[in-house]
């Protein structure tokens, strides 16, 4: 029989992965095109979240992985980890984003850690 303590410890073992589509207004972009781009960004964020869940969903050393996705000025997808995670998780995210053709968002957590 599960006690309250056991249930809490089981719940604490679940990693929360959040991939947020950051939508920035773009002057000069037609409204229908902006909607298509925003929908695409939402879909890519959901797909990335599912892919990361399959790769690192069982991690128990930390609670959250938060990634932002957006477009850069050339309309390429850029990504950024916005919380502290172990370096091996950063590597998994980096490899996945490289495979998908995404670019590192300037000022990324990865860049900040390498400058310390």
PDB file of N, CA and C in Angstrom:
ATOM      1  N   UNK A   1       0.839  -1.182   0.000  1.00  0.00           N
ATOM      2  CA  UNK A   1       0.000   0.000   0.000  1.00  0.00           C
ATOM      3  C   UNK A   1       0.883   1.244   0.000  1.00  0.00           C
ATOM      4  N   UNK A   2       0.523   2.233  -0.829  1.00  0.00           N
ATOM      5  CA  UNK A   2       1.294   3.464  -0.911  1.00  0.00           C
ATOM      6  C   UNK A   2       0.877   4.437   0.175  1.00  0.00           C
ATOM      7  N   UNK A   3       1.854   4.964   0.850  1.00  0.00           N
ATOM      8  CA  UNK A   3       1.570   5.998   1.843  1.00  0.00           C
ATOM      9  C   UNK A   3       1.719   7.362   1.175  1.00  0.00           C
ATOM     10  N   UNK A   4       1.324   8.404   1.886  1.00  0.00           N
ATOM     11  CA  UNK A   4       1.459   9.763   1.369  1.00  0.00           C
ATOM     12  C   UNK A   4       2.912  10.076   1.053  1.00  0.00           C
ATOM     13  N   UNK A   5       3.844   9.650   1.904  1.00  0.00           N
ATOM     14  CA  UNK A   5       5.273   9.891   1.691  1.00  0.00           C
ATOM     15  C   UNK A   5       5.752   9.202   0.424  1.00  0.00           C
ATOM     16  N   UNK A   6       5.342   7.955   0.200  1.00  0.00           N
ATOM     17  CA  UNK A   6       5.745   7.244  -1.006  1.00  0.00           C
ATOM     18  C   UNK A   6       5.210   7.919  -2.260  1.00  0.00           C
ATOM     19  N   UNK A   7       3.969   8.370  -2.208  1.00  0.00           N
ATOM     20  CA  UNK A   7       3.379   9.046  -3.367  1.00  0.00           C
ATOM     21  C   UNK A   7       4.136  10.329  -3.662  1.00  0.00           C
ATOM     22  N   UNK A   8       4.479  11.097  -2.646  1.00  0.00           N
ATOM     23  CA  UNK A   8       5.229  12.336  -2.844  1.00  0.00           C
ATOM     24  C   UNK A   8       6.600  12.055  -3.431  1.00  0.00           C
ATOM     25  N   UNK A   9       7.277  11.027  -2.965  1.00  0.00           N
ATOM     26  CA  UNK A   9       8.605  10.734  -3.504  1.00  0.00           C
ATOM     27  C   UNK A   9       8.510  10.231  -4.935  1.00  0.00           C
ATOM     28  N   UNK A  10       7.457   9.506  -5.280  1.00  0.00           N
ATOM     29  CA  UNK A  10       7.268   9.068  -6.663  1.00  0.00           C
ATOM     30  C   UNK A  10       7.000  10.274  -7.548  1.00  0.00           C
ATOM     31  N   UNK A  11       6.175  11.204  -7.073  1.00  0.00           N
ATOM     32  CA  UNK A  11       5.866  12.401  -7.852  1.00  0.00           C
ATOM     33  C   UNK A  11       7.110  13.263  -8.029  1.00  0.00           C
ATOM     34  N   UNK A  12       7.994  13.322  -7.069  1.00  0.00           N
ATOM     35  CA  UNK A  12       9.180  14.151  -7.142  1.00  0.00           C
ATOM     36  C   UNK A  12      10.190  13.628  -8.155  1.00  0.00           C
ATOM     37  N   UNK A  13      10.088  12.357  -8.521  1.00  0.00           N
ATOM     38  CA  UNK A  13      11.038  11.782  -9.450  1.00  0.00           C
ATOM     39  C   UNK A  13      10.751  12.142 -10.901  1.00  0.00           C
ATOM     40  N   UNK A  14       9.627  12.743 -11.184  1.00  0.00           N
ATOM     41  CA  UNK A  14       9.236  13.076 -12.550  1.00  0.00           C
ATOM     42  C   UNK A  14       9.836  14.418 -12.956  1.00  0.00           C
ATOM     43  N   UNK A  15      10.603  14.402 -14.039  1.00  0.00           N
ATOM     44  CA  UNK A  15      11.195  15.617 -14.585  1.00  0.00           C
ATOM     45  C   UNK A  15      10.141  16.365 -15.391  1.00  0.00           C
ATOM     46  N   UNK A  16      10.047  17.650 -15.185  1.00  0.00           N
ATOM     47  CA  UNK A  16       9.132  18.488 -15.951  1.00  0.00           C
ATOM     48  C   UNK A  16       9.907  19.155 -17.074  1.00  0.00           C
ATOM     49  N   UNK A  17       9.508  18.874 -18.307  1.00  0.00           N
ATOM     50  CA  UNK A  17      10.147  19.470 -19.478  1.00  0.00           C
ATOM     51  C   UNK A  17       9.169  20.461 -20.085  1.00  0.00           C
ATOM     52  N   UNK A  18       9.626  21.708 -20.225  1.00  0.00           N
ATOM     53  CA  UNK A  18       8.792  22.752 -20.794  1.00  0.00           C
ATOM     54  C   UNK A  18       9.539  23.387 -21.951  1.00  0.00           C
ATOM     55  N   UNK A  19       8.937  23.361 -23.127  1.00  0.00           N
ATOM     56  CA  UNK A  19       9.495  24.051 -24.297  1.00  0.00           C
ATOM     57  C   UNK A  19       8.474  25.110 -24.679  1.00  0.00           C
ATOM     58  N   UNK A  20       8.873  26.370 -24.530  1.00  0.00           N
ATOM     59  CA  UNK A  20       7.963  27.485 -24.780  1.00  0.00           C
ATOM     60  C   UNK A  20       8.259  28.125 -26.132  1.00  0.00           C
ATOM     61  N   UNK A  21       7.226  28.353 -26.898  1.00  0.00           N
ATOM     62  CA  UNK A  21       7.339  29.088 -28.155  1.00  0.00           C
ATOM     63  C   UNK A  21       7.237  30.573 -27.831  1.00  0.00           C
ATOM     64  N   UNK A  22       8.329  31.289 -27.990  1.00  0.00           N
ATOM     65  CA  UNK A  22       8.366  32.719 -27.707  1.00  0.00           C
ATOM     66  C   UNK A  22       8.051  33.455 -29.003  1.00  0.00           C
ATOM     67  N   UNK A  23       6.928  34.154 -29.011  1.00  0.00           N
ATOM     68  CA  UNK A  23       6.478  34.841 -30.218  1.00  0.00           C
ATOM     69  C   UNK A  23       6.737  36.326 -30.063  1.00  0.00           C
ATOM     70  N   UNK A  24       7.506  36.856 -30.985  1.00  0.00           N
ATOM     71  CA  UNK A  24       7.827  38.270 -30.962  1.00  0.00           C
ATOM     72  C   UNK A  24       7.154  38.944 -32.141  1.00  0.00           C
ATOM     73  N   UNK A  25       6.563  40.108 -31.933  1.00  0.00           N
ATOM     74  CA  UNK A  25       5.949  40.810 -33.068  1.00  0.00           C
ATOM     75  C   UNK A  25       7.026  41.208 -34.073  1.00  0.00           C
ATOM     76  N   UNK A  26       6.733  40.990 -35.323  1.00  0.00           N
ATOM     77  CA  UNK A  26       7.680  41.321 -36.393  1.00  0.00           C
ATOM     78  C   UNK A  26       7.059  42.390 -37.292  1.00  0.00           C
ATOM     79  N   UNK A  27       7.627  43.595 -37.283  1.00  0.00           N
ATOM     80  CA  UNK A  27       7.084  44.637 -38.146  1.00  0.00           C
ATOM     81  C   UNK A  27       7.277  44.252 -39.620  1.00  0.00           C
ATOM     82  N   UNK A  28       6.262  44.528 -40.402  1.00  0.00           N
ATOM     83  CA  UNK A  28       6.350  44.257 -41.831  1.00  0.00           C
ATOM     84  C   UNK A  28       5.920  42.853 -42.221  1.00  0.00           C
ATOM     85  N   UNK A  29       5.658  41.977 -41.258  1.00  0.00           N
ATOM     86  CA  UNK A  29       5.220  40.622 -41.569  1.00  0.00           C
ATOM     87  C   UNK A  29       3.695  40.629 -41.645  1.00  0.00           C
ATOM     88  N   UNK A  30       3.168  40.100 -42.723  1.00  0.00           N
ATOM     89  CA  UNK A  30       1.724  40.051 -42.906  1.00  0.00           C
ATOM     90  C   UNK A  30       1.095  39.206 -41.805  1.00  0.00           C
ATOM     91  N   UNK A  31      -0.072  39.588 -41.355  1.00  0.00           N
ATOM     92  CA  UNK A  31      -0.750  38.902 -40.264  1.00  0.00           C
ATOM     93  C   UNK A  31      -0.977  37.413 -40.546  1.00  0.00           C
ATOM     94  N   UNK A  32      -1.435  37.011 -41.744  1.00  0.00           N
ATOM     95  CA  UNK A  32      -1.605  35.567 -41.992  1.00  0.00           C
ATOM     96  C   UNK A  32      -0.274  34.801 -41.917  1.00  0.00           C
ATOM     97  N   UNK A  33       0.797  35.404 -42.412  1.00  0.00           N
ATOM     98  CA  UNK A  33       2.110  34.757 -42.338  1.00  0.00           C
ATOM     99  C   UNK A  33       2.563  34.624 -40.893  1.00  0.00           C
ATOM    100  N   UNK A  34       2.327  35.651 -40.106  1.00  0.00           N
ATOM    101  CA  UNK A  34       2.707  35.608 -38.693  1.00  0.00           C
ATOM    102  C   UNK A  34       1.944  34.494 -37.970  1.00  0.00           C
ATOM    103  N   UNK A  35       0.671  34.299 -38.293  1.00  0.00           N
ATOM    104  CA  UNK A  35      -0.108  33.224 -37.681  1.00  0.00           C
ATOM    105  C   UNK A  35       0.454  31.864 -38.074  1.00  0.00           C
ATOM    106  N   UNK A  36       0.819  31.693 -39.337  1.00  0.00           N
ATOM    107  CA  UNK A  36       1.406  30.431 -39.791  1.00  0.00           C
ATOM    108  C   UNK A  36       2.726  30.170 -39.066  1.00  0.00           C
ATOM    109  N   UNK A  37       3.541  31.210 -38.923  1.00  0.00           N
ATOM    110  CA  UNK A  37       4.824  31.065 -38.238  1.00  0.00           C
ATOM    111  C   UNK A  37       4.618  30.728 -36.762  1.00  0.00           C
ATOM    112  N   UNK A  38       3.665  31.382 -36.128  1.00  0.00           N
ATOM    113  CA  UNK A  38       3.388  31.104 -34.717  1.00  0.00           C
ATOM    114  C   UNK A  38       2.869  29.680 -34.528  1.00  0.00           C
ATOM    115  N   UNK A  39       1.983  29.234 -35.427  1.00  0.00           N
ATOM    116  CA  UNK A  39       1.477  27.861 -35.345  1.00  0.00           C
ATOM    117  C   UNK A  39       2.607  26.857 -35.528  1.00  0.00           C
ATOM    118  N   UNK A  40       3.491  27.130 -36.470  1.00  0.00           N
ATOM    119  CA  UNK A  40       4.645  26.250 -36.704  1.00  0.00           C
ATOM    120  C   UNK A  40       5.528  26.197 -35.461  1.00  0.00           C
ATOM    121  N   UNK A  41       5.770  27.353 -34.850  1.00  0.00           N
ATOM    122  CA  UNK A  41       6.607  27.404 -33.652  1.00  0.00           C
ATOM    123  C   UNK A  41       5.968  26.616 -32.513  1.00  0.00           C
ATOM    124  N   UNK A  42       4.656  26.721 -32.348  1.00  0.00           N
ATOM    125  CA  UNK A  42       3.953  25.931 -31.325  1.00  0.00           C
ATOM    126  C   UNK A  42       4.112  24.435 -31.585  1.00  0.00           C
ATOM    127  N   UNK A  43       3.963  24.022 -32.843  1.00  0.00           N
ATOM    128  CA  UNK A  43       4.095  22.609 -33.198  1.00  0.00           C
ATOM    129  C   UNK A  43       5.510  22.114 -32.944  1.00  0.00           C
ATOM    130  N   UNK A  44       6.511  22.912 -33.332  1.00  0.00           N
ATOM    131  CA  UNK A  44       7.906  22.513 -33.118  1.00  0.00           C
ATOM    132  C   UNK A  44       8.231  22.423 -31.630  1.00  0.00           C
ATOM    133  N   UNK A  45       7.669  23.313 -30.825  1.00  0.00           N
ATOM    134  CA  UNK A  45       7.892  23.267 -29.374  1.00  0.00           C
ATOM    135  C   UNK A  45       7.296  21.990 -28.790  1.00  0.00           C
ATOM    136  N   UNK A  46       6.097  21.616 -29.231  1.00  0.00           N
ATOM    137  CA  UNK A  46       5.466  20.383 -28.733  1.00  0.00           C
ATOM    138  C   UNK A  46       6.262  19.151 -29.162  1.00  0.00           C
ATOM    139  N   UNK A  47       6.738  19.138 -30.402  1.00  0.00           N
ATOM    140  CA  UNK A  47       7.533  18.016 -30.893  1.00  0.00           C
ATOM    141  C   UNK A  47       8.854  17.904 -30.140  1.00  0.00           C
ATOM    142  N   UNK A  48       9.489  19.041 -29.877  1.00  0.00           N
ATOM    143  CA  UNK A  48      10.750  19.023 -29.144  1.00  0.00           C
ATOM    144  C   UNK A  48      10.538  18.552 -27.711  1.00  0.00           C
ATOM    145  N   UNK A  49       9.463  18.977 -27.097  1.00  0.00           N
ATOM    146  CA  UNK A  49       9.148  18.544 -25.741  1.00  0.00           C
ATOM    147  C   UNK A  49       8.986  17.028 -25.687  1.00  0.00           C
ATOM    148  N   UNK A  50       8.268  16.468 -26.649  1.00  0.00           N
ATOM    149  CA  UNK A  50       8.072  15.017 -26.698  1.00  0.00           C
ATOM    150  C   UNK A  50       9.391  14.285 -26.936  1.00  0.00           C
ATOM    151  N   UNK A  51      10.223  14.813 -27.819  1.00  0.00           N
ATOM    152  CA  UNK A  51      11.521  14.185 -28.099  1.00  0.00           C
ATOM    153  C   UNK A  51      12.419  14.208 -26.866  1.00  0.00           C
ATOM    154  N   UNK A  52      12.420  15.311 -26.146  1.00  0.00           N
ATOM    155  CA  UNK A  52      13.241  15.404 -24.938  1.00  0.00           C
ATOM    156  C   UNK A  52      12.692  14.519 -23.828  1.00  0.00           C
ATOM    157  N   UNK A  53      11.381  14.409 -23.751  1.00  0.00           N
ATOM    158  CA  UNK A  53      10.768  13.527 -22.751  1.00  0.00           C
ATOM    159  C   UNK A  53      11.261  12.094 -22.965  1.00  0.00           C
ATOM    160  N   UNK A  54      11.356  11.685 -24.212  1.00  0.00           N
ATOM    161  CA  UNK A  54      11.827  10.327 -24.521  1.00  0.00           C
ATOM    162  C   UNK A  54      13.306  10.149 -24.184  1.00  0.00           C
ATOM    163  N   UNK A  55      14.091  11.230 -24.294  1.00  0.00           N
ATOM    164  CA  UNK A  55      15.535  11.129 -24.068  1.00  0.00           C
ATOM    165  C   UNK A  55      15.948  11.322 -22.617  1.00  0.00           C
ATOM    166  N   UNK A  56      15.315  12.272 -21.918  1.00  0.00           N
ATOM    167  CA  UNK A  56      15.770  12.614 -20.560  1.00  0.00           C
ATOM    168  C   UNK A  56      14.647  12.633 -19.532  1.00  0.00           C
ATOM    169  N   UNK A  57      13.497  12.124 -19.872  1.00  0.00           N
ATOM    170  CA  UNK A  57      12.333  12.193 -18.991  1.00  0.00           C
ATOM    171  C   UNK A  57      12.496  11.476 -17.670  1.00  0.00           C
ATOM    172  N   UNK A  58      13.434  10.548 -17.577  1.00  0.00           N
ATOM    173  CA  UNK A  58      13.615   9.791 -16.340  1.00  0.00           C
ATOM    174  C   UNK A  58      14.719  10.345 -15.448  1.00  0.00           C
ATOM    175  N   UNK A  59      15.267  11.492 -15.800  1.00  0.00           N
ATOM    176  CA  UNK A  59      16.316  12.104 -14.984  1.00  0.00           C
ATOM    177  C   UNK A  59      15.773  12.431 -13.604  1.00  0.00           C
ATOM    178  N   UNK A  60      16.603  12.221 -12.591  1.00  0.00           N
ATOM    179  CA  UNK A  60      16.153  12.448 -11.225  1.00  0.00           C
ATOM    180  C   UNK A  60      17.017  13.449 -10.468  1.00  0.00           C
ATOM    181  N   UNK A  61      18.038  13.988 -11.134  1.00  0.00           N
ATOM    182  CA  UNK A  61      18.949  14.899 -10.432  1.00  0.00           C
ATOM    183  C   UNK A  61      18.434  16.333 -10.367  1.00  0.00           C
ATOM    184  N   UNK A  62      17.449  16.667 -11.190  1.00  0.00           N
ATOM    185  CA  UNK A  62      16.900  18.012 -11.177  1.00  0.00           C
ATOM    186  C   UNK A  62      15.423  17.923 -11.527  1.00  0.00           C
ATOM    187  N   UNK A  63      14.689  18.987 -11.284  1.00  0.00           N
ATOM    188  CA  UNK A  63      13.233  18.947 -11.414  1.00  0.00           C
ATOM    189  C   UNK A  63      12.713  19.464 -12.751  1.00  0.00           C
ATOM    190  N   UNK A  64      13.362  20.486 -13.307  1.00  0.00           N
ATOM    191  CA  UNK A  64      12.803  21.167 -14.472  1.00  0.00           C
ATOM    192  C   UNK A  64      13.845  21.385 -15.563  1.00  0.00           C
ATOM    193  N   UNK A  65      13.377  21.321 -16.782  1.00  0.00           N
ATOM    194  CA  UNK A  65      14.150  21.714 -17.958  1.00  0.00           C
ATOM    195  C   UNK A  65      13.243  22.665 -18.729  1.00  0.00           C
ATOM    196  N   UNK A  66      13.689  23.912 -18.881  1.00  0.00           N
ATOM    197  CA  UNK A  66      12.892  24.921 -19.572  1.00  0.00           C
ATOM    198  C   UNK A  66      13.696  25.442 -20.751  1.00  0.00           C
ATOM    199  N   UNK A  67      13.083  25.364 -21.935  1.00  0.00           N
ATOM    200  CA  UNK A  67      13.733  25.806 -23.175  1.00  0.00           C
ATOM    201  C   UNK A  67      12.806  26.781 -23.876  1.00  0.00           C
ATOM    202  N   UNK A  68      13.396  27.845 -24.416  1.00  0.00           N
ATOM    203  CA  UNK A  68      12.646  28.781 -25.239  1.00  0.00           C
ATOM    204  C   UNK A  68      12.978  28.519 -26.690  1.00  0.00           C
ATOM    205  N   UNK A  69      11.982  28.565 -27.550  1.00  0.00           N
ATOM    206  CA  UNK A  69      12.158  28.513 -29.000  1.00  0.00           C
ATOM    207  C   UNK A  69      11.587  29.792 -29.587  1.00  0.00           C
ATOM    208  N   UNK A  70      12.287  30.327 -30.572  1.00  0.00           N
ATOM    209  CA  UNK A  70      11.808  31.525 -31.251  1.00  0.00           C
ATOM    210  C   UNK A  70      12.438  31.577 -32.635  1.00  0.00           C
ATOM    211  N   UNK A  71      12.100  32.606 -33.378  1.00  0.00           N
ATOM    212  CA  UNK A  71      12.748  32.857 -34.667  1.00  0.00           C
ATOM    213  C   UNK A  71      13.809  33.930 -34.481  1.00  0.00           C
ATOM    214  N   UNK A  72      14.923  33.798 -35.211  1.00  0.00           N
ATOM    215  CA  UNK A  72      15.888  34.890 -35.229  1.00  0.00           C
ATOM    216  C   UNK A  72      15.520  35.831 -36.373  1.00  0.00           C
ATOM    217  N   UNK A  73      16.341  36.832 -36.633  1.00  0.00           N
ATOM    218  CA  UNK A  73      16.014  37.822 -37.666  1.00  0.00           C
ATOM    219  C   UNK A  73      15.994  37.224 -39.069  1.00  0.00           C
ATOM    220  N   UNK A  74      16.609  36.055 -39.252  1.00  0.00           N
ATOM    221  CA  UNK A  74      16.608  35.373 -40.553  1.00  0.00           C
ATOM    222  C   UNK A  74      15.540  34.285 -40.615  1.00  0.00           C
ATOM    223  N   UNK A  75      14.659  34.251 -39.639  1.00  0.00           N
ATOM    224  CA  UNK A  75      13.569  33.284 -39.535  1.00  0.00           C
ATOM    225  C   UNK A  75      14.038  31.852 -39.334  1.00  0.00           C
ATOM    226  N   UNK A  76      15.247  31.683 -38.837  1.00  0.00           N
ATOM    227  CA  UNK A  76      15.705  30.359 -38.416  1.00  0.00           C
ATOM    228  C   UNK A  76      15.222  30.147 -36.984  1.00  0.00           C
ATOM    229  N   UNK A  77      15.002  28.896 -36.618  1.00  0.00           N
ATOM    230  CA  UNK A  77      14.575  28.591 -35.252  1.00  0.00           C
ATOM    231  C   UNK A  77      15.789  28.682 -34.338  1.00  0.00           C
ATOM    232  N   UNK A  78      15.647  29.420 -33.246  1.00  0.00           N
ATOM    233  CA  UNK A  78      16.714  29.514 -32.258  1.00  0.00           C
ATOM    234  C   UNK A  78      16.192  28.948 -30.945  1.00  0.00           C
ATOM    235  N   UNK A  79      17.125  28.489 -30.112  1.00  0.00           N
ATOM    236  CA  UNK A  79      16.750  27.858 -28.842  1.00  0.00           C
ATOM    237  C   UNK A  79      17.650  28.354 -27.733  1.00  0.00           C
ATOM    238  N   UNK A  80      17.124  28.217 -26.509  1.00  0.00           N
ATOM    239  CA  UNK A  80      17.840  28.697 -25.329  1.00  0.00           C
ATOM    240  C   UNK A  80      17.354  27.928 -24.114  1.00  0.00           C
ATOM    241  N   UNK A  81      18.269  27.355 -23.344  1.00  0.00           N
ATOM    242  CA  UNK A  81      17.928  26.760 -22.049  1.00  0.00           C
ATOM    243  C   UNK A  81      17.909  27.909 -21.047  1.00  0.00           C
ATOM    244  N   UNK A  82      16.831  28.044 -20.289  1.00  0.00           N
ATOM    245  CA  UNK A  82      16.701  29.212 -19.417  1.00  0.00           C
ATOM    246  C   UNK A  82      16.756  28.877 -17.932  1.00  0.00           C
ATOM    247  N   UNK A  83      17.162  27.651 -17.606  1.00  0.00           N
ATOM    248  CA  UNK A  83      17.371  27.321 -16.194  1.00  0.00           C
ATOM    249  C   UNK A  83      18.622  26.467 -16.079  1.00  0.00           C
ATOM    250  N   UNK A  84      19.100  26.296 -14.865  1.00  0.00           N
ATOM    251  CA  UNK A  84      20.307  25.505 -14.640  1.00  0.00           C
ATOM    252  C   UNK A  84      19.976  24.020 -14.707  1.00  0.00           C
ATOM    253  N   UNK A  85      20.734  23.312 -15.549  1.00  0.00           N
ATOM    254  CA  UNK A  85      20.595  21.861 -15.685  1.00  0.00           C
ATOM    255  C   UNK A  85      21.997  21.271 -15.767  1.00  0.00           C
ATOM    256  N   UNK A  86      22.150  19.993 -15.501  1.00  0.00           N
ATOM    257  CA  UNK A  86      23.468  19.358 -15.616  1.00  0.00           C
ATOM    258  C   UNK A  86      24.005  19.455 -17.053  1.00  0.00           C
ATOM    259  N   UNK A  87      25.316  19.449 -17.177  1.00  0.00           N
ATOM    260  CA  UNK A  87      25.937  19.608 -18.491  1.00  0.00           C
ATOM    261  C   UNK A  87      25.553  18.487 -19.456  1.00  0.00           C
ATOM    262  N   UNK A  88      25.333  17.284 -18.970  1.00  0.00           N
ATOM    263  CA  UNK A  88      24.953  16.204 -19.886  1.00  0.00           C
ATOM    264  C   UNK A  88      23.568  16.444 -20.488  1.00  0.00           C
ATOM    265  N   UNK A  89      22.700  17.108 -19.757  1.00  0.00           N
ATOM    266  CA  UNK A  89      21.381  17.456 -20.296  1.00  0.00           C
ATOM    267  C   UNK A  89      21.532  18.563 -21.337  1.00  0.00           C
ATOM    268  N   UNK A  90      22.393  19.527 -21.077  1.00  0.00           N
ATOM    269  CA  UNK A  90      22.679  20.568 -22.070  1.00  0.00           C
ATOM    270  C   UNK A  90      23.187  19.933 -23.359  1.00  0.00           C
ATOM    271  N   UNK A  91      24.038  18.918 -23.228  1.00  0.00           N
ATOM    272  CA  UNK A  91      24.575  18.233 -24.403  1.00  0.00           C
ATOM    273  C   UNK A  91      23.471  17.530 -25.191  1.00  0.00           C
ATOM    274  N   UNK A  92      22.538  16.884 -24.493  1.00  0.00           N
ATOM    275  CA  UNK A  92      21.422  16.207 -25.170  1.00  0.00           C
ATOM    276  C   UNK A  92      20.589  17.228 -25.945  1.00  0.00           C
ATOM    277  N   UNK A  93      20.281  18.351 -25.303  1.00  0.00           N
ATOM    278  CA  UNK A  93      19.493  19.400 -25.954  1.00  0.00           C
ATOM    279  C   UNK A  93      20.263  19.969 -27.133  1.00  0.00           C
ATOM    280  N   UNK A  94      21.551  20.214 -26.937  1.00  0.00           N
ATOM    281  CA  UNK A  94      22.384  20.768 -28.002  1.00  0.00           C
ATOM    282  C   UNK A  94      22.419  19.837 -29.211  1.00  0.00           C
ATOM    283  N   UNK A  95      22.611  18.543 -28.982  1.00  0.00           N
ATOM    284  CA  UNK A  95      22.652  17.576 -30.084  1.00  0.00           C
ATOM    285  C   UNK A  95      21.311  17.498 -30.806  1.00  0.00           C
ATOM    286  N   UNK A  96      20.216  17.463 -30.050  1.00  0.00           N
ATOM    287  CA  UNK A  96      18.894  17.403 -30.662  1.00  0.00           C
ATOM    288  C   UNK A  96      18.639  18.644 -31.523  1.00  0.00           C
ATOM    289  N   UNK A  97      18.965  19.803 -30.995  1.00  0.00           N
ATOM    290  CA  UNK A  97      18.750  21.038 -31.744  1.00  0.00           C
ATOM    291  C   UNK A  97      19.652  21.113 -32.981  1.00  0.00           C
ATOM    292  N   UNK A  98      20.859  20.588 -32.878  1.00  0.00           N
ATOM    293  CA  UNK A  98      21.750  20.553 -34.040  1.00  0.00           C
ATOM    294  C   UNK A  98      21.172  19.652 -35.127  1.00  0.00           C
ATOM    295  N   UNK A  99      20.649  18.500 -34.728  1.00  0.00           N
ATOM    296  CA  UNK A  99      20.027  17.582 -35.692  1.00  0.00           C
ATOM    297  C   UNK A  99      18.832  18.248 -36.367  1.00  0.00           C
ATOM    298  N   UNK A 100      18.049  19.008 -35.593  1.00  0.00           N
ATOM    299  CA  UNK A 100      16.866  19.673 -36.127  1.00  0.00           C
ATOM    300  C   UNK A 100      17.202  20.936 -36.927  1.00  0.00           C
ATOM    301  N   UNK A 101      18.457  21.373 -36.863  1.00  0.00           N
ATOM    302  CA  UNK A 101      18.871  22.558 -37.607  1.00  0.00           C
ATOM    303  C   UNK A 101      18.596  23.867 -36.898  1.00  0.00           C
ATOM    304  N   UNK A 102      18.375  23.811 -35.588  1.00  0.00           N
ATOM    305  CA  UNK A 102      18.130  25.020 -34.812  1.00  0.00           C
ATOM    306  C   UNK A 102      19.465  25.651 -34.424  1.00  0.00           C
ATOM    307  N   UNK A 103      19.466  26.961 -34.236  1.00  0.00           N
ATOM    308  CA  UNK A 103      20.682  27.671 -33.854  1.00  0.00           C
ATOM    309  C   UNK A 103      20.584  28.087 -32.385  1.00  0.00           C
ATOM    310  N   UNK A 104      21.734  28.227 -31.754  1.00  0.00           N
ATOM    311  CA  UNK A 104      21.778  28.641 -30.352  1.00  0.00           C
ATOM    312  C   UNK A 104      21.403  30.115 -30.263  1.00  0.00           C
ATOM    313  N   UNK A 105      20.506  30.419 -29.381  1.00  0.00           N
ATOM    314  CA  UNK A 105      20.083  31.792 -29.122  1.00  0.00           C
ATOM    315  C   UNK A 105      21.254  32.499 -28.461  1.00  0.00           C
ATOM    316  N   UNK A 106      21.678  33.615 -29.000  1.00  0.00           N
ATOM    317  CA  UNK A 106      22.799  34.350 -28.401  1.00  0.00           C
ATOM    318  C   UNK A 106      22.443  34.735 -26.979  1.00  0.00           C
ATOM    319  N   UNK A 107      23.398  34.521 -26.070  1.00  0.00           N
ATOM    320  CA  UNK A 107      23.140  34.767 -24.662  1.00  0.00           C
ATOM    321  C   UNK A 107      22.573  33.544 -23.973  1.00  0.00           C
ATOM    322  N   UNK A 108      22.675  32.391 -24.620  1.00  0.00           N
ATOM    323  CA  UNK A 108      22.149  31.144 -24.069  1.00  0.00           C
ATOM    324  C   UNK A 108      22.875  30.779 -22.783  1.00  0.00           C
ATOM    325  N   UNK A 109      22.233  29.964 -21.960  1.00  0.00           N
ATOM    326  CA  UNK A 109      22.850  29.473 -20.730  1.00  0.00           C
ATOM    327  C   UNK A 109      24.154  28.758 -21.059  1.00  0.00           C
ATOM    328  N   UNK A 110      24.188  28.035 -22.180  1.00  0.00           N
ATOM    329  CA  UNK A 110      25.416  27.352 -22.584  1.00  0.00           C
ATOM    330  C   UNK A 110      26.552  28.348 -22.771  1.00  0.00           C
ATOM    331  N   UNK A 111      26.270  29.470 -23.442  1.00  0.00           N
ATOM    332  CA  UNK A 111      27.290  30.481 -23.670  1.00  0.00           C
ATOM    333  C   UNK A 111      27.744  31.119 -22.354  1.00  0.00           C
ATOM    334  N   UNK A 112      26.807  31.370 -21.459  1.00  0.00           N
ATOM    335  CA  UNK A 112      27.145  32.011 -20.200  1.00  0.00           C
ATOM    336  C   UNK A 112      28.046  31.117 -19.345  1.00  0.00           C
ATOM    337  N   UNK A 113      27.755  29.844 -19.309  1.00  0.00           N
ATOM    338  CA  UNK A 113      28.554  28.936 -18.492  1.00  0.00           C
ATOM    339  C   UNK A 113      29.964  28.793 -19.037  1.00  0.00           C
ATOM    340  N   UNK A 114      30.142  28.834 -20.348  1.00  0.00           N
ATOM    341  CA  UNK A 114      31.468  28.667 -20.925  1.00  0.00           C
ATOM    342  C   UNK A 114      32.345  29.901 -20.692  1.00  0.00           C
ATOM    343  N   UNK A 115      31.723  31.048 -20.388  1.00  0.00           N
ATOM    344  CA  UNK A 115      32.497  32.294 -20.164  1.00  0.00           C
ATOM    345  C   UNK A 115      32.911  32.480 -18.721  1.00  0.00           C
ATOM    346  N   UNK A 116      32.427  31.653 -17.820  1.00  0.00           N
ATOM    347  CA  UNK A 116      32.753  31.803 -16.397  1.00  0.00           C
ATOM    348  C   UNK A 116      34.143  31.366 -16.104  1.00  0.00           C
TER     349      UNK A 116
END
